[in-house]
Amino acid sequence: MSTTHFNTAAHAVHASLLLSLALCIPKLCSGQDIQGETNQVAAESESSQDGVRSRHMLYRSIASGLQFVPSADALRPLKLSDAPVLTWASLGGWSGDVFVWTGNGQIQIVGCVGSQETDAGPKVFLEFHSFASSPIASVRLDPSATWRVPIEMNPAIPIPGAPTPSTSARRRLLQLRSLAKWFSVGMQLTDERKEASLRLLPQPLARESNDDADVIDSALFAFVSSAGTDPEALLLIETGNVDEKLTFTYQAARLTTREIWMSLKGVEIWRVPAFTNYSPGATINDDYFFHNVSD
């Protein structure tokens, strides 16, 4: 049996409001559609409450328009979380909602839809990472970019010294939270400045359980900076069979364009350099991307 658990602090969005904002783009919206929605958000920004509500409705509408379909089973697209698993805001007018897409008892895709407030109105961006272990059909993000979703670019690695996973889902959650504390994350802010230790959010953003699958537990943790609650790094800890033995594994992922690194018990295990945006018309082949939709 498969069960999905989402952070209870996530903001629910009323279904009737979503219908009024439904976008179409292969089910994704065109750049023109998004620009029309951002103009509406900008027009409502004079009323702070209306502007915030419209902004998050826009984020949800864009996320709902993206369909991730396993190549081997086109009739069963990945399932989008019912609500954002995290709603965040940061200095400089940045805000966003984080969503997850699940399938086969695992967290497969993590995506942030957000914007930065500018004098010309909100500047919308997409920031996504794939944990997919099986092929997924290419996704048209907007008229200027397509994501060819890669698989296993960042394979799961057993956590050295981890305890034997409990057979109880409740006890495993305690183990997962304890294991997440073994990891730490640092980030380069500028050429001269870095943030040596990002803050780990104590509860997983999302957790997918499936006692009948090879991976029976999939929990997503986030590290945030001191500038707000924007998740900069992700840690996926899973419980699955490795060499016929139930084992805890991890995968590190970025959700920032800055250089970032992760350590396990004080020893660096993962580092990625600063990210360069793709040019319009590009096909994105990496497991992570940041894309300005409004450009």
C-alpha atoms as a PDB file:
ATOM      1  CA  MET A   1       0.000   0.000   0.000  1.00  0.00           C
ATOM      2  CA  SER A   2       1.315   3.429  -0.924  1.00  0.00           C
ATOM      3  CA  THR A   3       0.885   6.450   1.337  1.00  0.00           C
ATOM      4  CA  THR A   4       1.970  10.035   0.743  1.00  0.00           C
ATOM      5  CA  HIS A   5       2.651  12.383   3.661  1.00  0.00           C
ATOM      6  CA  PHE A   6       2.990  16.117   3.104  1.00  0.00           C
ATOM      7  CA  ASN A   7       4.110  18.840   5.497  1.00  0.00           C
ATOM      8  CA  THR A   8       1.003  20.010   7.346  1.00  0.00           C
ATOM      9  CA  ALA A   9       2.275  23.607   7.204  1.00  0.00           C
ATOM     10  CA  ALA A  10       1.862  23.638   3.421  1.00  0.00           C
ATOM     11  CA  HIS A  11      -0.710  26.082   2.089  1.00  0.00           C
ATOM     12  CA  ALA A  12      -3.827  24.472   0.564  1.00  0.00           C
ATOM     13  CA  VAL A  13      -5.293  26.113  -2.531  1.00  0.00           C
ATOM     14  CA  HIS A  14      -9.067  26.135  -3.112  1.00  0.00           C
ATOM     15  CA  ALA A  15     -10.033  24.038  -6.154  1.00  0.00           C
ATOM     16  CA  SER A  16     -12.511  26.525  -7.557  1.00  0.00           C
ATOM     17  CA  LEU A  17      -9.855  29.246  -7.597  1.00  0.00           C
ATOM     18  CA  LEU A  18      -7.457  26.958  -9.418  1.00  0.00           C
ATOM     19  CA  LEU A  19     -10.030  26.309 -12.125  1.00  0.00           C
ATOM     20  CA  SER A  20     -10.327  30.022 -12.747  1.00  0.00           C
ATOM     21  CA  LEU A  21      -6.577  30.218 -13.361  1.00  0.00           C
ATOM     22  CA  ALA A  22      -6.120  26.968 -15.294  1.00  0.00           C
ATOM     23  CA  LEU A  23      -3.394  27.367 -17.909  1.00  0.00           C
ATOM     24  CA  CYS A  24      -2.877  25.338 -21.016  1.00  0.00           C
ATOM     25  CA  ILE A  25       0.470  24.214 -22.270  1.00  0.00           C
ATOM     26  CA  PRO A  26       0.704  20.882 -23.698  1.00  0.00           C
ATOM     27  CA  LYS A  27      -0.684  21.331 -20.751  1.00  0.00           C
ATOM     28  CA  LEU A  28       1.848  23.855 -20.051  1.00  0.00           C
ATOM     29  CA  CYS A  29       1.242  27.508 -20.596  1.00  0.00           C
ATOM     30  CA  SER A  30       2.813  29.555 -23.327  1.00  0.00           C
ATOM     31  CA  GLY A  31       5.047  32.463 -22.420  1.00  0.00           C
ATOM     32  CA  GLN A  32       2.173  34.769 -23.425  1.00  0.00           C
ATOM     33  CA  ASP A  33      -0.218  32.994 -21.015  1.00  0.00           C
ATOM     34  CA  ILE A  34       2.218  33.311 -18.114  1.00  0.00           C
ATOM     35  CA  GLN A  35       2.856  36.956 -18.905  1.00  0.00           C
ATOM     36  CA  GLY A  36      -0.874  37.619 -18.803  1.00  0.00           C
ATOM     37  CA  GLU A  37      -1.117  35.983 -15.391  1.00  0.00           C
ATOM     38  CA  THR A  38       1.896  37.904 -14.066  1.00  0.00           C
ATOM     39  CA  ASN A  39       0.344  41.158 -15.272  1.00  0.00           C
ATOM     40  CA  GLN A  40      -2.769  40.282 -13.266  1.00  0.00           C
ATOM     41  CA  VAL A  41      -0.641  39.578 -10.186  1.00  0.00           C
ATOM     42  CA  ALA A  42       1.183  42.886 -10.654  1.00  0.00           C
ATOM     43  CA  ALA A  43      -2.100  44.765 -10.950  1.00  0.00           C
ATOM     44  CA  GLU A  44      -3.258  43.284  -7.656  1.00  0.00           C
ATOM     45  CA  SER A  45       0.014  43.960  -5.832  1.00  0.00           C
ATOM     46  CA  GLU A  46      -1.321  47.273  -4.511  1.00  0.00           C
ATOM     47  CA  SER A  47      -3.386  45.135  -2.149  1.00  0.00           C
ATOM     48  CA  SER A  48      -0.824  43.038  -0.308  1.00  0.00           C
ATOM     49  CA  GLN A  49      -3.257  40.282   0.636  1.00  0.00           C
ATOM     50  CA  ASP A  50      -4.712  39.978  -2.864  1.00  0.00           C
ATOM     51  CA  GLY A  51      -1.247  40.091  -4.402  1.00  0.00           C
ATOM     52  CA  VAL A  52       0.094  37.266  -2.210  1.00  0.00           C
ATOM     53  CA  ARG A  53      -2.970  35.117  -2.856  1.00  0.00           C
ATOM     54  CA  SER A  54      -2.827  35.676  -6.627  1.00  0.00           C
ATOM     55  CA  ARG A  55       0.900  34.962  -6.691  1.00  0.00           C
ATOM     56  CA  HIS A  56       0.499  31.569  -5.034  1.00  0.00           C
ATOM     57  CA  MET A  57      -2.474  30.732  -7.247  1.00  0.00           C
ATOM     58  CA  LEU A  58      -0.221  31.464 -10.219  1.00  0.00           C
ATOM     59  CA  TYR A  59       2.496  29.154  -8.870  1.00  0.00           C
ATOM     60  CA  ARG A  60       0.010  26.330  -8.394  1.00  0.00           C
ATOM     61  CA  SER A  61      -1.510  26.860 -11.814  1.00  0.00           C
ATOM     62  CA  ILE A  62       1.895  26.617 -13.515  1.00  0.00           C
ATOM     63  CA  ALA A  63       2.816  23.489 -11.536  1.00  0.00           C
ATOM     64  CA  SER A  64      -0.520  21.879 -12.412  1.00  0.00           C
ATOM     65  CA  GLY A  65       0.201  22.439 -16.091  1.00  0.00           C
ATOM     66  CA  LEU A  66       3.384  20.365 -15.974  1.00  0.00           C
ATOM     67  CA  GLN A  67       2.902  16.643 -16.501  1.00  0.00           C
ATOM     68  CA  PHE A  68       5.701  14.169 -15.944  1.00  0.00           C
ATOM     69  CA  VAL A  69       4.946  10.881 -17.663  1.00  0.00           C
ATOM     70  CA  PRO A  70       7.001   7.686 -17.240  1.00  0.00           C
ATOM     71  CA  SER A  71       8.144   6.490 -20.652  1.00  0.00           C
ATOM     72  CA  ALA A  72       7.148   2.930 -19.802  1.00  0.00           C
ATOM     73  CA  ASP A  73       3.634   3.832 -18.622  1.00  0.00           C
ATOM     74  CA  ALA A  74       2.146   6.818 -20.431  1.00  0.00           C
ATOM     75  CA  LEU A  75      -1.255   6.226 -18.808  1.00  0.00           C
ATOM     76  CA  ARG A  76       0.071   6.816 -15.288  1.00  0.00           C
ATOM     77  CA  PRO A  77       1.711  10.258 -14.983  1.00  0.00           C
ATOM     78  CA  LEU A  78       3.506  11.149 -11.778  1.00  0.00           C
ATOM     79  CA  LYS A  79       1.214  12.569  -9.117  1.00  0.00           C
ATOM     80  CA  LEU A  80       1.548  16.232  -8.158  1.00  0.00           C
ATOM     81  CA  SER A  81       1.297  17.028  -4.438  1.00  0.00           C
ATOM     82  CA  ASP A  82      -2.155  18.294  -3.465  1.00  0.00           C
ATOM     83  CA  ALA A  83      -0.593  21.471  -2.039  1.00  0.00           C
ATOM     84  CA  PRO A  84       2.881  23.015  -1.933  1.00  0.00           C
ATOM     85  CA  VAL A  85       5.122  21.074   0.449  1.00  0.00           C
ATOM     86  CA  LEU A  86       6.804  24.384   1.319  1.00  0.00           C
ATOM     87  CA  THR A  87       5.844  28.020   0.828  1.00  0.00           C
ATOM     88  CA  TRP A  88       8.790  30.394   1.245  1.00  0.00           C
ATOM     89  CA  ALA A  89       9.851  34.022   1.050  1.00  0.00           C
ATOM     90  CA  SER A  90      13.294  35.591   1.043  1.00  0.00           C
ATOM     91  CA  LEU A  91      15.049  38.948   0.958  1.00  0.00           C
ATOM     92  CA  GLY A  92      14.939  40.920  -2.282  1.00  0.00           C
ATOM     93  CA  GLY A  93      11.281  40.250  -3.067  1.00  0.00           C
ATOM     94  CA  TRP A  94      11.736  36.533  -3.812  1.00  0.00           C
ATOM     95  CA  SER A  95       9.032  33.995  -3.038  1.00  0.00           C
ATOM     96  CA  GLY A  96       7.979  30.576  -4.212  1.00  0.00           C
ATOM     97  CA  ASP A  97       6.151  27.314  -3.663  1.00  0.00           C
ATOM     98  CA  VAL A  98       7.828  23.899  -3.705  1.00  0.00           C
ATOM     99  CA  PHE A  99       5.938  20.930  -5.150  1.00  0.00           C
ATOM    100  CA  VAL A 100       6.741  17.238  -5.473  1.00  0.00           C
ATOM    101  CA  TRP A 101       5.713  14.659  -8.050  1.00  0.00           C
ATOM    102  CA  THR A 102       5.566  11.066  -6.826  1.00  0.00           C
ATOM    103  CA  GLY A 103       5.283   7.654  -8.436  1.00  0.00           C
ATOM    104  CA  ASN A 104       6.011   4.012  -7.675  1.00  0.00           C
ATOM    105  CA  GLY A 105       6.232   4.801  -3.976  1.00  0.00           C
ATOM    106  CA  GLN A 106       9.024   7.356  -4.398  1.00  0.00           C
ATOM    107  CA  ILE A 107       9.567  11.101  -4.620  1.00  0.00           C
ATOM    108  CA  GLN A 108      10.575  11.476  -8.273  1.00  0.00           C
ATOM    109  CA  ILE A 109      10.569  15.204  -9.136  1.00  0.00           C
ATOM    110  CA  VAL A 110      10.917  18.283  -6.929  1.00  0.00           C
ATOM    111  CA  GLY A 111      10.066  21.668  -8.401  1.00  0.00           C
ATOM    112  CA  CYS A 112       9.888  25.248  -7.239  1.00  0.00           C
ATOM    113  CA  VAL A 113       7.702  27.802  -9.009  1.00  0.00           C
ATOM    114  CA  GLY A 114       8.478  31.303  -7.800  1.00  0.00           C
ATOM    115  CA  SER A 115       9.039  34.918  -8.678  1.00  0.00           C
ATOM    116  CA  GLN A 116      10.948  38.051  -7.822  1.00  0.00           C
ATOM    117  CA  GLU A 117       9.093  41.319  -7.428  1.00  0.00           C
ATOM    118  CA  THR A 118      10.460  44.027  -9.746  1.00  0.00           C
ATOM    119  CA  ASP A 119       9.297  47.491 -10.799  1.00  0.00           C
ATOM    120  CA  ALA A 120       7.906  45.890 -13.949  1.00  0.00           C
ATOM    121  CA  GLY A 121       5.998  43.238 -11.999  1.00  0.00           C
ATOM    122  CA  PRO A 122       6.742  39.657 -10.900  1.00  0.00           C
ATOM    123  CA  LYS A 123       9.518  37.832 -12.764  1.00  0.00           C
ATOM    124  CA  VAL A 124       8.536  34.158 -12.776  1.00  0.00           C
ATOM    125  CA  PHE A 125      11.040  31.307 -12.653  1.00  0.00           C
ATOM    126  CA  LEU A 126      11.061  27.505 -12.558  1.00  0.00           C
ATOM    127  CA  GLU A 127      13.662  25.546 -10.581  1.00  0.00           C
ATOM    128  CA  PHE A 128      13.504  21.760 -10.726  1.00  0.00           C
ATOM    129  CA  HIS A 129      15.452  18.660  -9.752  1.00  0.00           C
ATOM    130  CA  SER A 130      14.890  15.064 -10.832  1.00  0.00           C
ATOM    131  CA  PHE A 131      15.403  12.062  -8.565  1.00  0.00           C
ATOM    132  CA  ALA A 132      13.767   9.801 -11.169  1.00  0.00           C
ATOM    133  CA  SER A 133      15.115   6.260 -11.330  1.00  0.00           C
ATOM    134  CA  SER A 134      13.321   5.318 -14.566  1.00  0.00           C
ATOM    135  CA  PRO A 135      12.906   7.216 -17.869  1.00  0.00           C
ATOM    136  CA  ILE A 136      10.404  10.083 -18.055  1.00  0.00           C
ATOM    137  CA  ALA A 137       9.206  11.674 -21.292  1.00  0.00           C
ATOM    138  CA  SER A 138      10.610  15.099 -22.193  1.00  0.00           C
ATOM    139  CA  VAL A 139       8.617  18.052 -20.867  1.00  0.00           C
ATOM    140  CA  ARG A 140       8.036  21.362 -22.682  1.00  0.00           C
ATOM    141  CA  LEU A 141       8.559  24.063 -20.069  1.00  0.00           C
ATOM    142  CA  ASP A 142       7.533  26.933 -22.320  1.00  0.00           C
ATOM    143  CA  PRO A 143       8.118  27.844 -25.995  1.00  0.00           C
ATOM    144  CA  SER A 144      11.813  28.473 -25.282  1.00  0.00           C
ATOM    145  CA  ALA A 145      12.878  25.382 -23.342  1.00  0.00           C
ATOM    146  CA  THR A 146      12.365  21.633 -23.040  1.00  0.00           C
ATOM    147  CA  TRP A 147      13.544  19.440 -20.166  1.00  0.00           C
ATOM    148  CA  ARG A 148      14.787  16.019 -21.213  1.00  0.00           C
ATOM    149  CA  VAL A 149      14.541  14.478 -17.754  1.00  0.00           C
ATOM    150  CA  PRO A 150      17.687  12.441 -17.004  1.00  0.00           C
ATOM    151  CA  ILE A 151      17.806   9.391 -14.766  1.00  0.00           C
ATOM    152  CA  GLU A 152      20.306   8.280 -12.143  1.00  0.00           C
ATOM    153  CA  MET A 153      22.789  11.108 -12.718  1.00  0.00           C
ATOM    154  CA  ASN A 154      23.034  11.217  -8.941  1.00  0.00           C
ATOM    155  CA  PRO A 155      22.438   7.620  -7.756  1.00  0.00           C
ATOM    156  CA  ALA A 156      21.413   6.733  -4.224  1.00  0.00           C
ATOM    157  CA  ILE A 157      24.332   5.965  -1.901  1.00  0.00           C
ATOM    158  CA  PRO A 158      24.121   3.868   1.293  1.00  0.00           C
ATOM    159  CA  ILE A 159      24.646   5.977   4.439  1.00  0.00           C
ATOM    160  CA  PRO A 160      27.729   4.590   6.175  1.00  0.00           C
ATOM    161  CA  GLY A 161      27.150   3.686   9.801  1.00  0.00           C
ATOM    162  CA  ALA A 162      23.358   4.049   9.539  1.00  0.00           C
ATOM    163  CA  PRO A 163      21.265   1.786  11.778  1.00  0.00           C
ATOM    164  CA  THR A 164      19.138  -1.036  10.453  1.00  0.00           C
ATOM    165  CA  PRO A 165      15.826   0.469   9.296  1.00  0.00           C
ATOM    166  CA  SER A 166      12.907  -0.214  11.580  1.00  0.00           C
ATOM    167  CA  THR A 167       9.960  -2.211  10.269  1.00  0.00           C
ATOM    168  CA  SER A 168       7.676   0.428  11.826  1.00  0.00           C
ATOM    169  CA  ALA A 169       6.942   3.472   9.643  1.00  0.00           C
ATOM    170  CA  ARG A 170       6.604   5.663  12.753  1.00  0.00           C
ATOM    171  CA  ARG A 171       9.960   4.546  14.148  1.00  0.00           C
ATOM    172  CA  ARG A 172      11.567   4.919  10.729  1.00  0.00           C
ATOM    173  CA  LEU A 173      10.503   8.573  10.714  1.00  0.00           C
ATOM    174  CA  LEU A 174      12.497   9.097  13.911  1.00  0.00           C
ATOM    175  CA  GLN A 175      15.461   7.375  12.258  1.00  0.00           C
ATOM    176  CA  LEU A 176      15.116   9.495   9.117  1.00  0.00           C
ATOM    177  CA  ARG A 177      15.060  12.731  11.101  1.00  0.00           C
ATOM    178  CA  SER A 178      18.068  11.628  13.137  1.00  0.00           C
ATOM    179  CA  LEU A 179      20.034  10.645  10.017  1.00  0.00           C
ATOM    180  CA  ALA A 180      19.289  13.995   8.343  1.00  0.00           C
ATOM    181  CA  LYS A 181      21.148  15.692  11.204  1.00  0.00           C
ATOM    182  CA  TRP A 182      24.317  13.837  10.173  1.00  0.00           C
ATOM    183  CA  PHE A 183      24.430  16.042   7.068  1.00  0.00           C
ATOM    184  CA  SER A 184      25.401  19.708   6.797  1.00  0.00           C
ATOM    185  CA  VAL A 185      25.391  22.151   3.887  1.00  0.00           C
ATOM    186  CA  GLY A 186      27.474  25.215   3.007  1.00  0.00           C
ATOM    187  CA  MET A 187      26.937  27.732   0.199  1.00  0.00           C
ATOM    188  CA  GLN A 188      29.020  30.365  -1.578  1.00  0.00           C
ATOM    189  CA  LEU A 189      27.189  33.713  -1.485  1.00  0.00           C
ATOM    190  CA  THR A 190      29.728  35.883  -3.349  1.00  0.00           C
ATOM    191  CA  ASP A 191      33.380  35.535  -4.331  1.00  0.00           C
ATOM    192  CA  GLU A 192      34.338  36.673  -0.838  1.00  0.00           C
ATOM    193  CA  ARG A 193      31.420  35.492   1.299  1.00  0.00           C
ATOM    194  CA  LYS A 194      29.983  32.107   2.106  1.00  0.00           C
ATOM    195  CA  GLU A 195      27.402  30.715   4.493  1.00  0.00           C
ATOM    196  CA  ALA A 196      29.170  27.840   6.221  1.00  0.00           C
ATOM    197  CA  SER A 197      26.118  26.087   7.655  1.00  0.00           C
ATOM    198  CA  LEU A 198      22.590  26.242   6.270  1.00  0.00           C
ATOM    199  CA  ARG A 199      19.676  25.402   8.548  1.00  0.00           C
ATOM    200  CA  LEU A 200      18.081  21.972   8.288  1.00  0.00           C
ATOM    201  CA  LEU A 201      14.295  22.007   8.528  1.00  0.00           C
ATOM    202  CA  PRO A 202      13.529  19.370  11.180  1.00  0.00           C
ATOM    203  CA  GLN A 203      10.556  17.726   9.459  1.00  0.00           C
ATOM    204  CA  PRO A 204      10.677  16.195   5.973  1.00  0.00           C
ATOM    205  CA  LEU A 205       8.903  18.333   3.375  1.00  0.00           C
ATOM    206  CA  ALA A 206       7.312  15.193   1.995  1.00  0.00           C
ATOM    207  CA  ARG A 207       7.398  11.485   2.645  1.00  0.00           C
ATOM    208  CA  GLU A 208       6.250   8.705   0.356  1.00  0.00           C
ATOM    209  CA  SER A 209       5.764   5.189   1.750  1.00  0.00           C
ATOM    210  CA  ASN A 210       5.074   1.948  -0.091  1.00  0.00           C
ATOM    211  CA  ASP A 211       5.508  -1.301   1.831  1.00  0.00           C
ATOM    212  CA  ASP A 212       5.110  -3.329  -1.369  1.00  0.00           C
ATOM    213  CA  ALA A 213       7.904  -1.652  -3.353  1.00  0.00           C
ATOM    214  CA  ASP A 214      11.682  -2.094  -3.436  1.00  0.00           C
ATOM    215  CA  VAL A 215      11.927   1.382  -1.858  1.00  0.00           C
ATOM    216  CA  ILE A 216       9.546   1.426   1.109  1.00  0.00           C
ATOM    217  CA  ASP A 217      10.272   4.958   2.356  1.00  0.00           C
ATOM    218  CA  SER A 218      11.247   8.178   0.582  1.00  0.00           C
ATOM    219  CA  ALA A 219      11.704  11.328   2.704  1.00  0.00           C
ATOM    220  CA  LEU A 220      12.686  14.765   1.418  1.00  0.00           C
ATOM    221  CA  PHE A 221      14.562  17.200   3.692  1.00  0.00           C
ATOM    222  CA  ALA A 222      15.544  20.806   2.961  1.00  0.00           C
ATOM    223  CA  PHE A 223      18.322  23.157   4.043  1.00  0.00           C
ATOM    224  CA  VAL A 224      17.540  26.890   4.079  1.00  0.00           C
ATOM    225  CA  SER A 225      19.706  29.997   4.323  1.00  0.00           C
ATOM    226  CA  SER A 226      19.645  32.789   6.897  1.00  0.00           C
ATOM    227  CA  ALA A 227      18.082  35.127   4.297  1.00  0.00           C
ATOM    228  CA  GLY A 228      14.669  33.453   4.553  1.00  0.00           C
ATOM    229  CA  THR A 229      13.051  30.065   4.131  1.00  0.00           C
ATOM    230  CA  ASP A 230      14.118  29.479   0.526  1.00  0.00           C
ATOM    231  CA  PRO A 231      15.349  25.856   0.244  1.00  0.00           C
ATOM    232  CA  GLU A 232      18.882  25.902  -1.175  1.00  0.00           C
ATOM    233  CA  ALA A 233      19.710  22.189  -0.918  1.00  0.00           C
ATOM    234  CA  LEU A 234      17.669  19.005  -0.772  1.00  0.00           C
ATOM    235  CA  LEU A 235      18.443  15.694   0.905  1.00  0.00           C
ATOM    236  CA  LEU A 236      16.465  12.621  -0.122  1.00  0.00           C
ATOM    237  CA  ILE A 237      16.793   9.744   2.338  1.00  0.00           C
ATOM    238  CA  GLU A 238      15.229   6.469   1.290  1.00  0.00           C
ATOM    239  CA  THR A 239      14.801   3.012   2.754  1.00  0.00           C
ATOM    240  CA  GLY A 240      15.235   0.248   0.226  1.00  0.00           C
ATOM    241  CA  ASN A 241      16.862  -3.038  -0.607  1.00  0.00           C
ATOM    242  CA  VAL A 242      20.590  -2.903  -1.347  1.00  0.00           C
ATOM    243  CA  ASP A 243      22.192  -6.304  -1.944  1.00  0.00           C
ATOM    244  CA  GLU A 244      19.040  -7.901  -0.498  1.00  0.00           C
ATOM    245  CA  LYS A 245      19.370  -5.953   2.733  1.00  0.00           C
ATOM    246  CA  LEU A 246      17.102  -3.139   3.901  1.00  0.00           C
ATOM    247  CA  THR A 247      19.313  -0.042   3.904  1.00  0.00           C
ATOM    248  CA  PHE A 248      19.134   3.746   4.320  1.00  0.00           C
ATOM    249  CA  THR A 249      20.462   5.637   1.279  1.00  0.00           C
ATOM    250  CA  TYR A 250      20.863   9.321   0.441  1.00  0.00           C
ATOM    251  CA  GLN A 251      20.888  11.647  -2.555  1.00  0.00           C
ATOM    252  CA  ALA A 252      21.984  15.288  -2.432  1.00  0.00           C
ATOM    253  CA  ALA A 253      20.455  17.904  -4.714  1.00  0.00           C
ATOM    254  CA  ARG A 254      20.766  21.625  -5.322  1.00  0.00           C
ATOM    255  CA  LEU A 255      17.907  24.098  -5.461  1.00  0.00           C
ATOM    256  CA  THR A 256      20.092  27.147  -6.006  1.00  0.00           C
ATOM    257  CA  THR A 257      22.264  28.555  -8.769  1.00  0.00           C
ATOM    258  CA  ARG A 258      25.109  29.212  -6.313  1.00  0.00           C
ATOM    259  CA  GLU A 259      28.033  26.914  -5.587  1.00  0.00           C
ATOM    260  CA  ILE A 260      26.934  24.597  -2.803  1.00  0.00           C
ATOM    261  CA  TRP A 261      28.326  21.594  -0.966  1.00  0.00           C
ATOM    262  CA  MET A 262      27.232  18.922   1.509  1.00  0.00           C
ATOM    263  CA  SER A 263      29.126  17.107   4.240  1.00  0.00           C
ATOM    264  CA  LEU A 264      28.389  13.914   6.153  1.00  0.00           C
ATOM    265  CA  LYS A 265      29.660  13.959   9.730  1.00  0.00           C
ATOM    266  CA  GLY A 266      32.021  16.788   8.824  1.00  0.00           C
ATOM    267  CA  VAL A 267      33.483  15.164   5.686  1.00  0.00           C
ATOM    268  CA  GLU A 268      32.556  16.755   2.349  1.00  0.00           C
ATOM    269  CA  ILE A 269      30.735  14.263   0.131  1.00  0.00           C
ATOM    270  CA  TRP A 270      29.206  16.436  -2.622  1.00  0.00           C
ATOM    271  CA  ARG A 271      29.838  19.796  -4.279  1.00  0.00           C
ATOM    272  CA  VAL A 272      28.415  21.486  -7.372  1.00  0.00           C
ATOM    273  CA  PRO A 273      29.681  24.716  -8.986  1.00  0.00           C
ATOM    274  CA  ALA A 274      27.686  27.872  -9.673  1.00  0.00           C
ATOM    275  CA  PHE A 275      25.004  27.259 -12.283  1.00  0.00           C
ATOM    276  CA  THR A 276      24.784  29.017 -15.663  1.00  0.00           C
ATOM    277  CA  ASN A 277      21.328  29.637 -17.146  1.00  0.00           C
ATOM    278  CA  TYR A 278      20.379  27.964 -20.373  1.00  0.00           C
ATOM    279  CA  SER A 279      19.922  29.988 -23.544  1.00  0.00           C
ATOM    280  CA  PRO A 280      16.402  30.316 -25.030  1.00  0.00           C
ATOM    281  CA  GLY A 281      15.544  27.356 -27.223  1.00  0.00           C
ATOM    282  CA  ALA A 282      17.803  25.015 -25.292  1.00  0.00           C
ATOM    283  CA  THR A 283      17.070  21.414 -24.473  1.00  0.00           C
ATOM    284  CA  ILE A 284      17.971  20.889 -20.823  1.00  0.00           C
ATOM    285  CA  ASN A 285      19.676  17.552 -20.150  1.00  0.00           C
ATOM    286  CA  ASP A 286      20.736  17.963 -16.514  1.00  0.00           C
ATOM    287  CA  ASP A 287      18.980  16.714 -13.400  1.00  0.00           C
ATOM    288  CA  TYR A 288      18.718  20.358 -12.194  1.00  0.00           C
ATOM    289  CA  PHE A 289      17.707  23.534 -13.975  1.00  0.00           C
ATOM    290  CA  PHE A 290      16.768  27.142 -13.261  1.00  0.00           C
ATOM    291  CA  HIS A 291      14.696  28.806 -15.971  1.00  0.00           C
ATOM    292  CA  ASN A 292      13.297  32.341 -16.152  1.00  0.00           C
ATOM    293  CA  VAL A 293       9.828  31.867 -17.655  1.00  0.00           C
ATOM    294  CA  SER A 294       9.189  35.592 -17.998  1.00  0.00           C
ATOM    295  CA  ASP A 295      12.175  36.232 -20.288  1.00  0.00           C
END
